[in-house]
Amino acid sequence: MRFSWTGLILAPLLVPTIFSAAVLSFQESNGALLFVGFLVLMVPSCIISYCTTIFLCLAFNVSPFLVAADDGLKGLPARSSAGHADVRPANVDGLEK
């Protein structure tokens, strides 16, 4: 799976947009009030969605460094990805000690 900045920016917008549109589809009002209602639902939903995305991205990026600092790379075994995706056997030397 490849990383994409476009995907990271657009993915958290999908669920709030669908949620806001679904909730407002049951409302019967004029266009201006409907648009304001959409924004009232969309803005807090996007704040929650983007905060969750940032939290998860930080957790995935920071946790290996915390494990490495805690036990000196003993908790990071060489898995089947050794030799693939720019991981060389020389990069994991000494983990068996």
C-alpha atoms as a PDB file:
ATOM      1  CA  MET A   1       0.000   0.000   0.000  1.00  0.00           C
ATOM      2  CA  ARG A   2       1.486   3.305  -1.060  1.00  0.00           C
ATOM      3  CA  PHE A   3       1.314   6.509   0.947  1.00  0.00           C
ATOM      4  CA  SER A   4      -0.506   9.409  -0.655  1.00  0.00           C
ATOM      5  CA  TRP A   5      -0.873  12.941   0.705  1.00  0.00           C
ATOM      6  CA  THR A   6      -4.041  13.331  -1.334  1.00  0.00           C
ATOM      7  CA  GLY A   7      -5.503  10.235   0.279  1.00  0.00           C
ATOM      8  CA  LEU A   8      -4.514  11.439   3.741  1.00  0.00           C
ATOM      9  CA  ILE A   9      -6.240  14.773   3.167  1.00  0.00           C
ATOM     10  CA  LEU A  10      -9.388  13.488   1.433  1.00  0.00           C
ATOM     11  CA  ALA A  11     -10.079  10.252   3.336  1.00  0.00           C
ATOM     12  CA  PRO A  12     -11.267  11.908   6.586  1.00  0.00           C
ATOM     13  CA  LEU A  13     -13.776  13.979   4.570  1.00  0.00           C
ATOM     14  CA  LEU A  14     -15.727  10.986   3.280  1.00  0.00           C
ATOM     15  CA  VAL A  15     -17.581   9.898   6.426  1.00  0.00           C
ATOM     16  CA  PRO A  16     -18.548  13.414   7.647  1.00  0.00           C
ATOM     17  CA  THR A  17     -19.851  14.302   4.184  1.00  0.00           C
ATOM     18  CA  ILE A  18     -21.970  11.141   3.942  1.00  0.00           C
ATOM     19  CA  PHE A  19     -23.215  11.597   7.521  1.00  0.00           C
ATOM     20  CA  SER A  20     -24.163  15.250   7.008  1.00  0.00           C
ATOM     21  CA  ALA A  21     -25.898  14.554   3.709  1.00  0.00           C
ATOM     22  CA  ALA A  22     -27.805  11.600   5.161  1.00  0.00           C
ATOM     23  CA  VAL A  23     -29.035  13.546   8.187  1.00  0.00           C
ATOM     24  CA  LEU A  24     -30.055  16.562   6.126  1.00  0.00           C
ATOM     25  CA  SER A  25     -31.869  14.445   3.546  1.00  0.00           C
ATOM     26  CA  PHE A  26     -34.641  14.012   6.127  1.00  0.00           C
ATOM     27  CA  GLN A  27     -35.009  17.773   6.703  1.00  0.00           C
ATOM     28  CA  GLU A  28     -37.521  19.816   4.800  1.00  0.00           C
ATOM     29  CA  SER A  29     -36.400  23.425   4.524  1.00  0.00           C
ATOM     30  CA  ASN A  30     -35.249  25.976   1.973  1.00  0.00           C
ATOM     31  CA  GLY A  31     -31.806  25.959   0.348  1.00  0.00           C
ATOM     32  CA  ALA A  32     -30.049  28.544   2.531  1.00  0.00           C
ATOM     33  CA  LEU A  33     -31.120  26.946   5.794  1.00  0.00           C
ATOM     34  CA  LEU A  34     -30.208  23.521   4.470  1.00  0.00           C
ATOM     35  CA  PHE A  35     -26.689  24.712   3.597  1.00  0.00           C
ATOM     36  CA  VAL A  36     -26.213  26.218   7.076  1.00  0.00           C
ATOM     37  CA  GLY A  37     -27.392  22.956   8.623  1.00  0.00           C
ATOM     38  CA  PHE A  38     -24.950  21.044   6.457  1.00  0.00           C
ATOM     39  CA  LEU A  39     -22.073  23.234   7.678  1.00  0.00           C
ATOM     40  CA  VAL A  40     -23.196  22.945  11.303  1.00  0.00           C
ATOM     41  CA  LEU A  41     -23.005  19.156  11.019  1.00  0.00           C
ATOM     42  CA  MET A  42     -19.953  19.021   8.754  1.00  0.00           C
ATOM     43  CA  VAL A  43     -17.519  21.224  10.706  1.00  0.00           C
ATOM     44  CA  PRO A  44     -17.584  19.331  14.053  1.00  0.00           C
ATOM     45  CA  SER A  45     -17.574  16.002  12.206  1.00  0.00           C
ATOM     46  CA  CYS A  46     -14.475  17.029  10.250  1.00  0.00           C
ATOM     47  CA  ILE A  47     -12.726  18.225  13.404  1.00  0.00           C
ATOM     48  CA  ILE A  48     -13.292  14.834  15.032  1.00  0.00           C
ATOM     49  CA  SER A  49     -12.304  12.954  11.873  1.00  0.00           C
ATOM     50  CA  TYR A  50      -9.069  14.881  11.248  1.00  0.00           C
ATOM     51  CA  CYS A  51      -8.031  14.752  14.929  1.00  0.00           C
ATOM     52  CA  THR A  52      -8.505  10.991  14.877  1.00  0.00           C
ATOM     53  CA  THR A  53      -6.439  10.704  11.693  1.00  0.00           C
ATOM     54  CA  ILE A  54      -3.599  12.796  13.126  1.00  0.00           C
ATOM     55  CA  PHE A  55      -3.643  10.809  16.374  1.00  0.00           C
ATOM     56  CA  LEU A  56      -3.463   7.482  14.530  1.00  0.00           C
ATOM     57  CA  CYS A  57      -0.698   8.664  12.190  1.00  0.00           C
ATOM     58  CA  LEU A  58       1.368   9.880  15.128  1.00  0.00           C
ATOM     59  CA  ALA A  59       0.812   6.625  16.998  1.00  0.00           C
ATOM     60  CA  PHE A  60       1.994   4.537  14.038  1.00  0.00           C
ATOM     61  CA  ASN A  61       5.086   6.699  13.538  1.00  0.00           C
ATOM     62  CA  VAL A  62       6.126   7.264  17.154  1.00  0.00           C
ATOM     63  CA  SER A  63       5.512   3.835  18.717  1.00  0.00           C
ATOM     64  CA  PRO A  64       8.509   2.050  17.091  1.00  0.00           C
ATOM     65  CA  PHE A  65      10.826   4.749  18.440  1.00  0.00           C
ATOM     66  CA  LEU A  66       9.379   4.384  21.930  1.00  0.00           C
ATOM     67  CA  VAL A  67       9.894   0.608  21.827  1.00  0.00           C
ATOM     68  CA  ALA A  68      13.447   1.030  20.539  1.00  0.00           C
ATOM     69  CA  ALA A  69      14.300   3.578  23.227  1.00  0.00           C
ATOM     70  CA  ASP A  70      12.762   1.444  25.948  1.00  0.00           C
ATOM     71  CA  ASP A  71      14.507  -1.890  25.399  1.00  0.00           C
ATOM     72  CA  GLY A  72      17.369  -1.211  23.003  1.00  0.00           C
ATOM     73  CA  LEU A  73      15.837  -2.839  19.882  1.00  0.00           C
ATOM     74  CA  LYS A  74      15.201  -6.165  21.634  1.00  0.00           C
ATOM     75  CA  GLY A  75      11.463  -5.850  21.060  1.00  0.00           C
ATOM     76  CA  LEU A  76      11.786  -5.320  17.302  1.00  0.00           C
ATOM     77  CA  PRO A  77      12.317  -8.745  15.700  1.00  0.00           C
ATOM     78  CA  ALA A  78      13.381  -9.163  12.088  1.00  0.00           C
ATOM     79  CA  ARG A  79      10.200 -10.279  10.381  1.00  0.00           C
ATOM     80  CA  SER A  80       9.568 -11.616   6.918  1.00  0.00           C
ATOM     81  CA  SER A  81      10.055  -8.115   5.497  1.00  0.00           C
ATOM     82  CA  ALA A  82      13.828  -8.360   6.000  1.00  0.00           C
ATOM     83  CA  GLY A  83      15.395  -8.041   2.566  1.00  0.00           C
ATOM     84  CA  HIS A  84      12.318  -6.345   1.112  1.00  0.00           C
ATOM     85  CA  ALA A  85      11.335  -2.678   0.864  1.00  0.00           C
ATOM     86  CA  ASP A  86      14.834  -1.325   1.498  1.00  0.00           C
ATOM     87  CA  VAL A  87      15.373  -3.458   4.638  1.00  0.00           C
ATOM     88  CA  ARG A  88      18.714  -5.208   4.329  1.00  0.00           C
ATOM     89  CA  PRO A  89      19.990  -8.024   6.568  1.00  0.00           C
ATOM     90  CA  ALA A  90      22.747  -5.650   7.696  1.00  0.00           C
ATOM     91  CA  ASN A  91      20.098  -3.326   9.124  1.00  0.00           C
ATOM     92  CA  VAL A  92      18.886  -6.018  11.537  1.00  0.00           C
ATOM     93  CA  ASP A  93      22.251  -7.464  12.633  1.00  0.00           C
ATOM     94  CA  GLY A  94      22.580  -7.981  16.341  1.00  0.00           C
ATOM     95  CA  LEU A  95      18.907  -8.398  17.161  1.00  0.00           C
ATOM     96  CA  GLU A  96      19.395 -12.045  18.146  1.00  0.00           C
ATOM     97  CA  LYS A  97      21.648 -11.180  21.087  1.00  0.00           C
END
